[in-house]
PDB file of N, CA and C in Angstrom:
ATOM      1  N   MET A   1      -3.852  10.205   3.895  1.00  0.00           N
ATOM      2  CA  MET A   1      -3.302  10.017   2.562  1.00  0.00           C
ATOM      3  C   MET A   1      -4.343  10.357   1.489  1.00  0.00           C
ATOM      4  N   THR A   2      -5.594  10.126   1.804  1.00  0.00           N
ATOM      5  CA  THR A   2      -6.637  10.454   0.829  1.00  0.00           C
ATOM      6  C   THR A   2      -6.616  11.948   0.522  1.00  0.00           C
ATOM      7  N   GLU A   3      -6.547  12.746   1.567  1.00  0.00           N
ATOM      8  CA  GLU A   3      -6.491  14.204   1.373  1.00  0.00           C
ATOM      9  C   GLU A   3      -5.218  14.611   0.636  1.00  0.00           C
ATOM     10  N   ASN A   4      -4.110  13.983   0.975  1.00  0.00           N
ATOM     11  CA  ASN A   4      -2.814  14.355   0.382  1.00  0.00           C
ATOM     12  C   ASN A   4      -2.680  13.934  -1.069  1.00  0.00           C
ATOM     13  N   THR A   5      -3.549  13.072  -1.549  1.00  0.00           N
ATOM     14  CA  THR A   5      -3.449  12.626  -2.943  1.00  0.00           C
ATOM     15  C   THR A   5      -4.543  13.200  -3.831  1.00  0.00           C
ATOM     16  N   ARG A   6      -5.408  14.025  -3.293  1.00  0.00           N
ATOM     17  CA  ARG A   6      -6.494  14.615  -4.101  1.00  0.00           C
ATOM     18  C   ARG A   6      -5.953  15.428  -5.280  1.00  0.00           C
ATOM     19  N   PHE A   7      -4.815  16.049  -5.096  1.00  0.00           N
ATOM     20  CA  PHE A   7      -4.245  16.896  -6.145  1.00  0.00           C
ATOM     21  C   PHE A   7      -3.987  16.127  -7.440  1.00  0.00           C
ATOM     22  N   ILE A   8      -3.871  14.817  -7.347  1.00  0.00           N
ATOM     23  CA  ILE A   8      -3.574  14.004  -8.528  1.00  0.00           C
ATOM     24  C   ILE A   8      -4.678  14.142  -9.569  1.00  0.00           C
ATOM     25  N   PHE A   9      -5.870  14.468  -9.129  1.00  0.00           N
ATOM     26  CA  PHE A   9      -7.006  14.591 -10.032  1.00  0.00           C
ATOM     27  C   PHE A   9      -7.225  16.021 -10.508  1.00  0.00           C
ATOM     28  N   GLN A  10      -6.235  16.879 -10.253  1.00  0.00           N
ATOM     29  CA  GLN A  10      -6.294  18.270 -10.691  1.00  0.00           C
ATOM     30  C   GLN A  10      -5.188  18.524 -11.705  1.00  0.00           C
ATOM     31  N   THR A  11      -5.363  19.568 -12.475  1.00  0.00           N
ATOM     32  CA  THR A  11      -4.317  19.987 -13.406  1.00  0.00           C
ATOM     33  C   THR A  11      -3.436  20.993 -12.679  1.00  0.00           C
ATOM     34  N   LEU A  12      -2.170  20.630 -12.524  1.00  0.00           N
ATOM     35  CA  LEU A  12      -1.215  21.467 -11.800  1.00  0.00           C
ATOM     36  C   LEU A  12       0.092  21.543 -12.568  1.00  0.00           C
ATOM     37  N   PRO A  13       0.887  22.574 -12.300  1.00  0.00           N
ATOM     38  CA  PRO A  13       2.228  22.630 -12.895  1.00  0.00           C
ATOM     39  C   PRO A  13       3.070  21.447 -12.385  1.00  0.00           C
ATOM     40  N   PHE A  14       3.977  20.994 -13.222  1.00  0.00           N
ATOM     41  CA  PHE A  14       4.798  19.830 -12.880  1.00  0.00           C
ATOM     42  C   PHE A  14       5.547  20.022 -11.555  1.00  0.00           C
ATOM     43  N   ALA A  15       6.047  21.211 -11.317  1.00  0.00           N
ATOM     44  CA  ALA A  15       6.790  21.476 -10.079  1.00  0.00           C
ATOM     45  C   ALA A  15       5.891  21.295  -8.854  1.00  0.00           C
ATOM     46  N   ASP A  16       4.634  21.718  -8.958  1.00  0.00           N
ATOM     47  CA  ASP A  16       3.692  21.531  -7.841  1.00  0.00           C
ATOM     48  C   ASP A  16       3.402  20.055  -7.612  1.00  0.00           C
ATOM     49  N   ILE A  17       3.249  19.330  -8.696  1.00  0.00           N
ATOM     50  CA  ILE A  17       2.990  17.886  -8.589  1.00  0.00           C
ATOM     51  C   ILE A  17       4.148  17.208  -7.865  1.00  0.00           C
ATOM     52  N   GLU A  18       5.362  17.513  -8.289  1.00  0.00           N
ATOM     53  CA  GLU A  18       6.542  16.893  -7.675  1.00  0.00           C
ATOM     54  C   GLU A  18       6.657  17.257  -6.196  1.00  0.00           C
ATOM     55  N   ALA A  19       6.381  18.511  -5.849  1.00  0.00           N
ATOM     56  CA  ALA A  19       6.460  18.947  -4.450  1.00  0.00           C
ATOM     57  C   ALA A  19       5.417  18.223  -3.600  1.00  0.00           C
ATOM     58  N   ARG A  20       4.218  18.098  -4.118  1.00  0.00           N
ATOM     59  CA  ARG A  20       3.155  17.418  -3.363  1.00  0.00           C
ATOM     60  C   ARG A  20       3.426  15.917  -3.251  1.00  0.00           C
ATOM     61  N   LEU A  21       3.999  15.349  -4.284  1.00  0.00           N
ATOM     62  CA  LEU A  21       4.341  13.929  -4.222  1.00  0.00           C
ATOM     63  C   LEU A  21       5.458  13.673  -3.223  1.00  0.00           C
ATOM     64  N   GLN A  22       6.348  14.622  -3.035  1.00  0.00           N
ATOM     65  CA  GLN A  22       7.379  14.472  -2.006  1.00  0.00           C
ATOM     66  C   GLN A  22       6.741  14.428  -0.627  1.00  0.00           C
ATOM     67  N   ASP A  23       5.696  15.202  -0.425  1.00  0.00           N
ATOM     68  CA  ASP A  23       4.964  15.172   0.841  1.00  0.00           C
ATOM     69  C   ASP A  23       4.284  13.804   1.016  1.00  0.00           C
ATOM     70  N   VAL A  24       3.720  13.286  -0.051  1.00  0.00           N
ATOM     71  CA  VAL A  24       3.100  11.946  -0.004  1.00  0.00           C
ATOM     72  C   VAL A  24       4.165  10.915   0.360  1.00  0.00           C
ATOM     73  N   LYS A  25       5.319  11.004  -0.247  1.00  0.00           N
ATOM     74  CA  LYS A  25       6.409  10.055   0.022  1.00  0.00           C
ATOM     75  C   LYS A  25       6.833  10.093   1.496  1.00  0.00           C
ATOM     76  N   ARG A  26       6.869  11.298   2.079  1.00  0.00           N
ATOM     77  CA  ARG A  26       7.244  11.419   3.492  1.00  0.00           C
ATOM     78  C   ARG A  26       6.236  10.700   4.391  1.00  0.00           C
ATOM     79  N   ARG A  27       4.982  10.735   4.032  1.00  0.00           N
ATOM     80  CA  ARG A  27       3.931  10.110   4.839  1.00  0.00           C
ATOM     81  C   ARG A  27       3.760   8.627   4.531  1.00  0.00           C
ATOM     82  N   GLU A  28       4.253   8.206   3.424  1.00  0.00           N
ATOM     83  CA  GLU A  28       4.038   6.851   2.943  1.00  0.00           C
ATOM     84  C   GLU A  28       4.648   5.782   3.853  1.00  0.00           C
ATOM     85  N   GLY A  29       5.773   6.068   4.454  1.00  0.00           N
ATOM     86  CA  GLY A  29       6.428   5.092   5.319  1.00  0.00           C
ATOM     87  C   GLY A  29       5.531   4.637   6.454  1.00  0.00           C
ATOM     88  N   GLU A  30       4.837   5.584   7.060  1.00  0.00           N
ATOM     89  CA  GLU A  30       3.928   5.262   8.168  1.00  0.00           C
ATOM     90  C   GLU A  30       2.761   4.402   7.678  1.00  0.00           C
ATOM     91  N   LEU A  31       2.213   4.734   6.513  1.00  0.00           N
ATOM     92  CA  LEU A  31       1.121   3.934   5.953  1.00  0.00           C
ATOM     93  C   LEU A  31       1.593   2.511   5.668  1.00  0.00           C
ATOM     94  N   LYS A  32       2.777   2.372   5.129  1.00  0.00           N
ATOM     95  CA  LYS A  32       3.309   1.041   4.836  1.00  0.00           C
ATOM     96  C   LYS A  32       3.453   0.212   6.109  1.00  0.00           C
ATOM     97  N   LYS A  33       3.953   0.823   7.171  1.00  0.00           N
ATOM     98  CA  LYS A  33       4.118   0.110   8.448  1.00  0.00           C
ATOM     99  C   LYS A  33       2.766  -0.328   9.002  1.00  0.00           C
ATOM    100  N   LYS A  34       1.815   0.593   9.020  1.00  0.00           N
ATOM    101  CA  LYS A  34       0.498   0.282   9.573  1.00  0.00           C
ATOM    102  C   LYS A  34      -0.221  -0.773   8.731  1.00  0.00           C
ATOM    103  N   LEU A  35      -0.083  -0.680   7.433  1.00  0.00           N
ATOM    104  CA  LEU A  35      -0.707  -1.656   6.539  1.00  0.00           C
ATOM    105  C   LEU A  35      -0.108  -3.042   6.752  1.00  0.00           C
ATOM    106  N   ALA A  36       1.199  -3.109   6.877  1.00  0.00           N
ATOM    107  CA  ALA A  36       1.867  -4.390   7.124  1.00  0.00           C
ATOM    108  C   ALA A  36       1.414  -4.979   8.455  1.00  0.00           C
ATOM    109  N   THR A  37       1.262  -4.139   9.473  1.00  0.00           N
ATOM    110  CA  THR A  37       0.789  -4.599  10.782  1.00  0.00           C
ATOM    111  C   THR A  37      -0.622  -5.168  10.679  1.00  0.00           C
ATOM    112  N   LEU A  38      -1.495  -4.469   9.980  1.00  0.00           N
ATOM    113  CA  LEU A  38      -2.867  -4.952   9.824  1.00  0.00           C
ATOM    114  C   LEU A  38      -2.918  -6.262   9.042  1.00  0.00           C
ATOM    115  N   LEU A  39      -2.102  -6.361   8.013  1.00  0.00           N
ATOM    116  CA  LEU A  39      -2.095  -7.592   7.203  1.00  0.00           C
ATOM    117  C   LEU A  39      -1.554  -8.784   7.985  1.00  0.00           C
ATOM    118  N   ALA A  40      -0.745  -8.526   8.996  1.00  0.00           N
ATOM    119  CA  ALA A  40      -0.169  -9.608   9.801  1.00  0.00           C
ATOM    120  C   ALA A  40      -1.150 -10.161  10.830  1.00  0.00           C
ATOM    121  N   LEU A  41      -2.247  -9.445  11.061  1.00  0.00           N
ATOM    122  CA  LEU A  41      -3.232  -9.911  12.045  1.00  0.00           C
ATOM    123  C   LEU A  41      -3.967 -11.143  11.526  1.00  0.00           C
ATOM    124  N   PRO A  42      -4.290 -12.079  12.423  1.00  0.00           N
ATOM    125  CA  PRO A  42      -5.001 -13.293  12.003  1.00  0.00           C
ATOM    126  C   PRO A  42      -6.338 -12.956  11.350  1.00  0.00           C
ATOM    127  N   GLY A  43      -6.578 -13.571  10.209  1.00  0.00           N
ATOM    128  CA  GLY A  43      -7.845 -13.412   9.508  1.00  0.00           C
ATOM    129  C   GLY A  43      -7.978 -12.151   8.678  1.00  0.00           C
ATOM    130  N   SER A  44      -6.987 -11.277   8.723  1.00  0.00           N
ATOM    131  CA  SER A  44      -7.121 -10.005   8.004  1.00  0.00           C
ATOM    132  C   SER A  44      -7.108 -10.176   6.485  1.00  0.00           C
ATOM    133  N   LYS A  45      -6.483 -11.224   6.009  1.00  0.00           N
ATOM    134  CA  LYS A  45      -6.375 -11.432   4.565  1.00  0.00           C
ATOM    135  C   LYS A  45      -7.515 -12.275   3.996  1.00  0.00           C
ATOM    136  N   ASP A  46      -8.385 -12.760   4.861  1.00  0.00           N
ATOM    137  CA  ASP A  46      -9.422 -13.697   4.432  1.00  0.00           C
ATOM    138  C   ASP A  46     -10.318 -13.163   3.321  1.00  0.00           C
ATOM    139  N   GLU A  47     -10.668 -11.888   3.374  1.00  0.00           N
ATOM    140  CA  GLU A  47     -11.596 -11.324   2.400  1.00  0.00           C
ATOM    141  C   GLU A  47     -10.898 -10.587   1.257  1.00  0.00           C
ATOM    142  N   LEU A  48      -9.574 -10.658   1.202  1.00  0.00           N
ATOM    143  CA  LEU A  48      -8.828  -9.968   0.146  1.00  0.00           C
ATOM    144  C   LEU A  48      -8.449 -10.961  -0.941  1.00  0.00           C
ATOM    145  N   ASP A  49      -8.654 -10.564  -2.188  1.00  0.00           N
ATOM    146  CA  ASP A  49      -8.300 -11.475  -3.280  1.00  0.00           C
ATOM    147  C   ASP A  49      -6.797 -11.438  -3.556  1.00  0.00           C
ATOM    148  N   ASP A  50      -6.332 -12.413  -4.314  1.00  0.00           N
ATOM    149  CA  ASP A  50      -4.892 -12.555  -4.575  1.00  0.00           C
ATOM    150  C   ASP A  50      -4.310 -11.355  -5.315  1.00  0.00           C
ATOM    151  N   THR A  51      -5.083 -10.771  -6.221  1.00  0.00           N
ATOM    152  CA  THR A  51      -4.594  -9.610  -6.972  1.00  0.00           C
ATOM    153  C   THR A  51      -4.332  -8.442  -6.037  1.00  0.00           C
ATOM    154  N   LEU A  52      -5.257  -8.195  -5.124  1.00  0.00           N
ATOM    155  CA  LEU A  52      -5.076  -7.107  -4.168  1.00  0.00           C
ATOM    156  C   LEU A  52      -3.918  -7.401  -3.225  1.00  0.00           C
ATOM    157  N   LEU A  53      -3.802  -8.629  -2.777  1.00  0.00           N
ATOM    158  CA  LEU A  53      -2.680  -8.991  -1.894  1.00  0.00           C
ATOM    159  C   LEU A  53      -1.339  -8.780  -2.583  1.00  0.00           C
ATOM    160  N   THR A  54      -1.264  -9.116  -3.855  1.00  0.00           N
ATOM    161  CA  THR A  54      -0.033  -8.895  -4.623  1.00  0.00           C
ATOM    162  C   THR A  54       0.251  -7.403  -4.734  1.00  0.00           C
ATOM    163  N   SER A  55      -0.791  -6.620  -4.994  1.00  0.00           N
ATOM    164  CA  SER A  55      -0.647  -5.167  -5.089  1.00  0.00           C
ATOM    165  C   SER A  55      -0.169  -4.580  -3.761  1.00  0.00           C
ATOM    166  N   LEU A  56      -0.729  -5.056  -2.663  1.00  0.00           N
ATOM    167  CA  LEU A  56      -0.327  -4.558  -1.344  1.00  0.00           C
ATOM    168  C   LEU A  56       1.104  -4.953  -1.010  1.00  0.00           C
ATOM    169  N   ASP A  57       1.476  -6.159  -1.379  1.00  0.00           N
ATOM    170  CA  ASP A  57       2.857  -6.602  -1.168  1.00  0.00           C
ATOM    171  C   ASP A  57       3.826  -5.715  -1.952  1.00  0.00           C
ATOM    172  N   THR A  58       3.467  -5.407  -3.187  1.00  0.00           N
ATOM    173  CA  THR A  58       4.289  -4.518  -4.009  1.00  0.00           C
ATOM    174  C   THR A  58       4.400  -3.150  -3.355  1.00  0.00           C
ATOM    175  N   TYR A  59       3.284  -2.631  -2.888  1.00  0.00           N
ATOM    176  CA  TYR A  59       3.275  -1.311  -2.264  1.00  0.00           C
ATOM    177  C   TYR A  59       4.168  -1.272  -1.024  1.00  0.00           C
ATOM    178  N   ILE A  60       4.038  -2.277  -0.180  1.00  0.00           N
ATOM    179  CA  ILE A  60       4.778  -2.284   1.085  1.00  0.00           C
ATOM    180  C   ILE A  60       6.276  -2.470   0.861  1.00  0.00           C
ATOM    181  N   ASN A  61       6.648  -3.284  -0.107  1.00  0.00           N
ATOM    182  CA  ASN A  61       8.046  -3.688  -0.258  1.00  0.00           C
ATOM    183  C   ASN A  61       8.838  -2.964  -1.340  1.00  0.00           C
ATOM    184  N   ARG A  62       8.200  -2.073  -2.061  1.00  0.00           N
ATOM    185  CA  ARG A  62       8.921  -1.359  -3.124  1.00  0.00           C
ATOM    186  C   ARG A  62       8.762   0.142  -2.959  1.00  0.00           C
ATOM    187  N   ASP A  63       9.711   0.869  -3.488  1.00  0.00           N
ATOM    188  CA  ASP A  63       9.627   2.324  -3.524  1.00  0.00           C
ATOM    189  C   ASP A  63       9.112   2.701  -4.908  1.00  0.00           C
ATOM    190  N   LEU A  64       7.848   3.046  -4.993  1.00  0.00           N
ATOM    191  CA  LEU A  64       7.212   3.297  -6.282  1.00  0.00           C
ATOM    192  C   LEU A  64       7.374   4.749  -6.711  1.00  0.00           C
ATOM    193  N   ILE A  65       7.503   4.943  -7.997  1.00  0.00           N
ATOM    194  CA  ILE A  65       7.595   6.277  -8.582  1.00  0.00           C
ATOM    195  C   ILE A  65       6.237   6.584  -9.204  1.00  0.00           C
ATOM    196  N   TYR A  66       5.623   7.677  -8.764  1.00  0.00           N
ATOM    197  CA  TYR A  66       4.278   8.014  -9.209  1.00  0.00           C
ATOM    198  C   TYR A  66       4.245   9.032 -10.341  1.00  0.00           C
ATOM    199  N   PHE A  67       5.336   9.768 -10.493  1.00  0.00           N
ATOM    200  CA  PHE A  67       5.382  10.812 -11.514  1.00  0.00           C
ATOM    201  C   PHE A  67       6.790  10.860 -12.081  1.00  0.00           C
ATOM    202  N   ASN A  68       6.872  10.907 -13.398  1.00  0.00           N
ATOM    203  CA  ASN A  68       8.173  10.923 -14.050  1.00  0.00           C
ATOM    204  C   ASN A  68       8.197  12.020 -15.105  1.00  0.00           C
ATOM    205  N   VAL A  69       8.927  13.055 -14.859  1.00  0.00           N
ATOM    206  CA  VAL A  69       9.149  14.217 -15.718  1.00  0.00           C
ATOM    207  C   VAL A  69       7.848  14.968 -16.021  1.00  0.00           C
ATOM    208  N   ASP A  70       6.978  14.384 -16.845  1.00  0.00           N
ATOM    209  CA  ASP A  70       5.768  15.113 -17.250  1.00  0.00           C
ATOM    210  C   ASP A  70       4.505  14.242 -17.296  1.00  0.00           C
ATOM    211  N   HIS A  71       4.584  13.060 -16.701  1.00  0.00           N
ATOM    212  CA  HIS A  71       3.389  12.207 -16.701  1.00  0.00           C
ATOM    213  C   HIS A  71       3.358  11.297 -15.472  1.00  0.00           C
ATOM    214  N   TYR A  72       2.142  10.933 -15.097  1.00  0.00           N
ATOM    215  CA  TYR A  72       1.952  10.028 -13.974  1.00  0.00           C
ATOM    216  C   TYR A  72       2.180   8.582 -14.403  1.00  0.00           C
ATOM    217  N   ASN A  73       2.649   7.780 -13.479  1.00  0.00           N
ATOM    218  CA  ASN A  73       2.737   6.344 -13.698  1.00  0.00           C
ATOM    219  C   ASN A  73       1.426   5.751 -13.180  1.00  0.00           C
ATOM    220  N   GLU A  74       0.511   5.482 -14.089  1.00  0.00           N
ATOM    221  CA  GLU A  74      -0.844   5.045 -13.725  1.00  0.00           C
ATOM    222  C   GLU A  74      -0.843   3.728 -12.945  1.00  0.00           C
ATOM    223  N   ASP A  75       0.014   2.801 -13.316  1.00  0.00           N
ATOM    224  CA  ASP A  75       0.061   1.512 -12.620  1.00  0.00           C
ATOM    225  C   ASP A  75       0.457   1.694 -11.153  1.00  0.00           C
ATOM    226  N   ASN A  76       1.471   2.501 -10.919  1.00  0.00           N
ATOM    227  CA  ASN A  76       1.926   2.737  -9.545  1.00  0.00           C
ATOM    228  C   ASN A  76       0.898   3.531  -8.741  1.00  0.00           C
ATOM    229  N   LEU A  77       0.217   4.464  -9.403  1.00  0.00           N
ATOM    230  CA  LEU A  77      -0.836   5.203  -8.703  1.00  0.00           C
ATOM    231  C   LEU A  77      -1.974   4.267  -8.305  1.00  0.00           C
ATOM    232  N   GLN A  78      -2.287   3.318  -9.173  1.00  0.00           N
ATOM    233  CA  GLN A  78      -3.339   2.352  -8.847  1.00  0.00           C
ATOM    234  C   GLN A  78      -2.940   1.516  -7.632  1.00  0.00           C
ATOM    235  N   ILE A  79      -1.688   1.147  -7.558  1.00  0.00           N
ATOM    236  CA  ILE A  79      -1.188   0.396  -6.398  1.00  0.00           C
ATOM    237  C   ILE A  79      -1.320   1.247  -5.130  1.00  0.00           C
ATOM    238  N   LEU A  80      -0.966   2.532  -5.224  1.00  0.00           N
ATOM    239  CA  LEU A  80      -1.105   3.448  -4.084  1.00  0.00           C
ATOM    240  C   LEU A  80      -2.559   3.550  -3.652  1.00  0.00           C
ATOM    241  N   PHE A  81      -3.461   3.766  -4.596  1.00  0.00           N
ATOM    242  CA  PHE A  81      -4.881   3.916  -4.250  1.00  0.00           C
ATOM    243  C   PHE A  81      -5.458   2.613  -3.697  1.00  0.00           C
ATOM    244  N   ASN A  82      -5.001   1.482  -4.218  1.00  0.00           N
ATOM    245  CA  ASN A  82      -5.421   0.186  -3.666  1.00  0.00           C
ATOM    246  C   ASN A  82      -4.985   0.070  -2.207  1.00  0.00           C
ATOM    247  N   ALA A  83      -3.772   0.509  -1.923  1.00  0.00           N
ATOM    248  CA  ALA A  83      -3.239   0.426  -0.557  1.00  0.00           C
ATOM    249  C   ALA A  83      -4.036   1.324   0.391  1.00  0.00           C
ATOM    250  N   ILE A  84      -4.341   2.531  -0.031  1.00  0.00           N
ATOM    251  CA  ILE A  84      -5.119   3.455   0.805  1.00  0.00           C
ATOM    252  C   ILE A  84      -6.502   2.866   1.077  1.00  0.00           C
ATOM    253  N   SER A  85      -7.130   2.368   0.042  1.00  0.00           N
ATOM    254  CA  SER A  85      -8.465   1.781   0.185  1.00  0.00           C
ATOM    255  C   SER A  85      -8.438   0.531   1.068  1.00  0.00           C
ATOM    256  N   ALA A  86      -7.459  -0.331   0.856  1.00  0.00           N
ATOM    257  CA  ALA A  86      -7.347  -1.557   1.648  1.00  0.00           C
ATOM    258  C   ALA A  86      -7.072  -1.233   3.113  1.00  0.00           C
ATOM    259  N   TYR A  87      -6.274  -0.219   3.370  1.00  0.00           N
ATOM    260  CA  TYR A  87      -5.989   0.185   4.744  1.00  0.00           C
ATOM    261  C   TYR A  87      -7.284   0.572   5.463  1.00  0.00           C
ATOM    262  N   LYS A  88      -8.094   1.363   4.795  1.00  0.00           N
ATOM    263  CA  LYS A  88      -9.371   1.767   5.385  1.00  0.00           C
ATOM    264  C   LYS A  88     -10.248   0.545   5.648  1.00  0.00           C
ATOM    265  N   LYS A  89     -10.311  -0.363   4.680  1.00  0.00           N
ATOM    266  CA  LYS A  89     -11.147  -1.558   4.828  1.00  0.00           C
ATOM    267  C   LYS A  89     -10.638  -2.437   5.972  1.00  0.00           C
ATOM    268  N   LEU A  90      -9.341  -2.636   6.044  1.00  0.00           N
ATOM    269  CA  LEU A  90      -8.777  -3.464   7.104  1.00  0.00           C
ATOM    270  C   LEU A  90      -9.022  -2.852   8.481  1.00  0.00           C
ATOM    271  N   LEU A  91      -8.911  -1.532   8.583  1.00  0.00           N
ATOM    272  CA  LEU A  91      -9.204  -0.864   9.854  1.00  0.00           C
ATOM    273  C   LEU A  91     -10.665  -1.072  10.241  1.00  0.00           C
ATOM    274  N   ASP A  92     -11.554  -0.878   9.275  1.00  0.00           N
ATOM    275  CA  ASP A  92     -12.979  -1.076   9.546  1.00  0.00           C
ATOM    276  C   ASP A  92     -13.266  -2.516   9.954  1.00  0.00           C
ATOM    277  N   ASP A  93     -12.660  -3.468   9.262  1.00  0.00           N
ATOM    278  CA  ASP A  93     -12.870  -4.881   9.575  1.00  0.00           C
ATOM    279  C   ASP A  93     -12.384  -5.212  10.979  1.00  0.00           C
ATOM    280  N   GLN A  94     -11.217  -4.690  11.359  1.00  0.00           N
ATOM    281  CA  GLN A  94     -10.684  -4.940  12.693  1.00  0.00           C
ATOM    282  C   GLN A  94     -11.573  -4.308  13.764  1.00  0.00           C
ATOM    283  N   HIS A  95     -12.041  -3.108  13.500  1.00  0.00           N
ATOM    284  CA  HIS A  95     -12.930  -2.439  14.438  1.00  0.00           C
ATOM    285  C   HIS A  95     -14.220  -3.250  14.613  1.00  0.00           C
ATOM    286  N   PHE A  96     -14.785  -3.697  13.514  1.00  0.00           N
ATOM    287  CA  PHE A  96     -16.004  -4.504  13.567  1.00  0.00           C
ATOM    288  C   PHE A  96     -15.768  -5.802  14.340  1.00  0.00           C
ATOM    289  N   ALA A  97     -14.662  -6.477  14.064  1.00  0.00           N
ATOM    290  CA  ALA A  97     -14.363  -7.748  14.729  1.00  0.00           C
ATOM    291  C   ALA A  97     -14.214  -7.550  16.239  1.00  0.00           C
ATOM    292  N   LYS A  98     -13.532  -6.501  16.640  1.00  0.00           N
ATOM    293  CA  LYS A  98     -13.354  -6.236  18.071  1.00  0.00           C
ATOM    294  C   LYS A  98     -14.690  -5.901  18.731  1.00  0.00           C
ATOM    295  N   LYS A  99     -15.497  -5.116  18.041  1.00  0.00           N
ATOM    296  CA  LYS A  99     -16.805  -4.764  18.579  1.00  0.00           C
ATOM    297  C   LYS A  99     -17.689  -6.009  18.704  1.00  0.00           C
ATOM    298  N   LYS A 100     -17.660  -6.858  17.696  1.00  0.00           N
ATOM    299  CA  LYS A 100     -18.454  -8.095  17.727  1.00  0.00           C
ATOM    300  C   LYS A 100     -17.991  -8.998  18.875  1.00  0.00           C
ATOM    301  N   HIS A 101     -16.691  -9.119  19.026  1.00  0.00           N
ATOM    302  CA  HIS A 101     -16.144  -9.926  20.117  1.00  0.00           C
ATOM    303  C   HIS A 101     -16.608  -9.381  21.473  1.00  0.00           C
ATOM    304  N   TYR A 102     -16.543  -8.075  21.627  1.00  0.00           N
ATOM    305  CA  TYR A 102     -16.976  -7.440  22.866  1.00  0.00           C
ATOM    306  C   TYR A 102     -18.465  -7.699  23.122  1.00  0.00           C
ATOM    307  N   LEU A 103     -19.291  -7.520  22.098  1.00  0.00           N
ATOM    308  CA  LEU A 103     -20.729  -7.734  22.264  1.00  0.00           C
ATOM    309  C   LEU A 103     -21.047  -9.192  22.576  1.00  0.00           C
ATOM    310  N   ASN A 104     -20.351 -10.103  21.944  1.00  0.00           N
ATOM    311  CA  ASN A 104     -20.543 -11.520  22.251  1.00  0.00           C
ATOM    312  C   ASN A 104     -20.143 -11.824  23.693  1.00  0.00           C
ATOM    313  N   PHE A 105     -19.077 -11.211  24.159  1.00  0.00           N
ATOM    314  CA  PHE A 105     -18.643 -11.376  25.540  1.00  0.00           C
ATOM    315  C   PHE A 105     -19.708 -10.843  26.499  1.00  0.00           C
ATOM    316  N   MET A 106     -20.237  -9.666  26.187  1.00  0.00           N
ATOM    317  CA  MET A 106     -21.290  -9.087  27.023  1.00  0.00           C
ATOM    318  C   MET A 106     -22.523  -9.988  27.034  1.00  0.00           C
ATOM    319  N   LEU A 107     -22.866 -10.558  25.891  1.00  0.00           N
ATOM    320  CA  LEU A 107     -24.004 -11.475  25.804  1.00  0.00           C
ATOM    321  C   LEU A 107     -23.767 -12.705  26.669  1.00  0.00           C
ATOM    322  N   THR A 108     -22.569 -13.233  26.647  1.00  0.00           N
ATOM    323  CA  THR A 108     -22.215 -14.391  27.472  1.00  0.00           C
ATOM    324  C   THR A 108     -22.367 -14.059  28.955  1.00  0.00           C
ATOM    325  N   LEU A 109     -21.926 -12.864  29.346  1.00  0.00           N
ATOM    326  CA  LEU A 109     -22.074 -12.433  30.741  1.00  0.00           C
ATOM    327  C   LEU A 109     -23.544 -12.327  31.126  1.00  0.00           C
ATOM    328  N   GLU A 110     -24.339 -11.746  30.239  1.00  0.00           N
ATOM    329  CA  GLU A 110     -25.768 -11.610  30.520  1.00  0.00           C
ATOM    330  C   GLU A 110     -26.439 -12.971  30.632  1.00  0.00           C
ATOM    331  N   GLU A 111     -26.077 -13.891  29.747  1.00  0.00           N
ATOM    332  CA  GLU A 111     -26.644 -15.237  29.808  1.00  0.00           C
ATOM    333  C   GLU A 111     -26.228 -15.927  31.106  1.00  0.00           C
ATOM    334  N   GLY A 112     -24.997 -15.673  31.534  1.00  0.00           N
ATOM    335  CA  GLY A 112     -24.507 -16.235  32.788  1.00  0.00           C
ATOM    336  C   GLY A 112     -25.287 -15.710  33.985  1.00  0.00           C
ATOM    337  N   LYS A 113     -25.659 -14.424  33.936  1.00  0.00           N
ATOM    338  CA  LYS A 113     -26.459 -13.844  35.022  1.00  0.00           C
ATOM    339  C   LYS A 113     -27.821 -14.541  35.104  1.00  0.00           C
ATOM    340  N   GLY A 114     -28.429 -14.777  33.937  1.00  0.00           N
ATOM    341  CA  GLY A 114     -29.727 -15.421  33.888  1.00  0.00           C
ATOM    342  C   GLY A 114     -29.678 -16.835  34.446  1.00  0.00           C
ATOM    343  N   GLN A 115     -28.641 -17.559  34.119  1.00  0.00           N
ATOM    344  CA  GLN A 115     -28.491 -18.933  34.625  1.00  0.00           C
ATOM    345  C   GLN A 115     -28.233 -18.935  36.127  1.00  0.00           C
ATOM    346  N   LYS A 116     -27.500 -17.938  36.601  1.00  0.00           N
ATOM    347  CA  LYS A 116     -27.196 -17.846  38.023  1.00  0.00           C
ATOM    348  C   LYS A 116     -28.474 -17.593  38.820  1.00  0.00           C
ATOM    349  N   LYS A 117     -29.354 -16.734  38.277  1.00  0.00           N
ATOM    350  CA  LYS A 117     -30.619 -16.430  38.958  1.00  0.00           C
ATOM    351  C   LYS A 117     -31.502 -17.671  39.012  1.00  0.00           C
ATOM    352  N   GLU A 118     -31.501 -18.464  37.936  1.00  0.00           N
ATOM    353  CA  GLU A 118     -32.314 -19.677  37.896  1.00  0.00           C
ATOM    354  C   GLU A 118     -31.849 -20.685  38.942  1.00  0.00           C
ATOM    355  N   LEU A 119     -30.563 -20.739  39.204  1.00  0.00           N
ATOM    356  CA  LEU A 119     -30.015 -21.678  40.180  1.00  0.00           C
ATOM    357  C   LEU A 119     -30.326 -21.261  41.615  1.00  0.00           C
ATOM    358  N   SER A 120     -30.545 -19.973  41.824  1.00  0.00           N
ATOM    359  CA  SER A 120     -30.784 -19.476  43.200  1.00  0.00           C
ATOM    360  C   SER A 120     -32.136 -19.838  43.731  1.00  0.00           C
TER     361      SER A 120
END
C-alpha cells in the first residue's frame, strides 16, 4: 500500500488520481482484514493510543473517500496513512514478540540442560 499511495504526493491529472485510487480501493479490503486480525491479537493494542485506535476503527469499518472531484480529503488520507503505518508497526511488534518467546524458550531449554548435567 505504501508503494500504491506514493502518487498522492505528486501532481497528476485528476483522471490519473481517480484511476490510481481505484487500485488502492481494490487492495484496501485485504489491508483492512489483516489489520483487524492483528488488532484482535492479545496485547496488540497495548502500545497504541486512543486516538490511533479510533482512527483504525474508522478505517476498518468505513468506506472512506480520498478524492472528490478536484481535491483530496486530507482527513481521510490521514486515516489511511495511519492505518498503513500501524499495520507495519503491529507486524513488527508481533514478529518481535514471537522471536522473544522463541529465544526465551531456547534459553529455558539450555538452562534445563545445565541443571540435568549437574544432577548426573
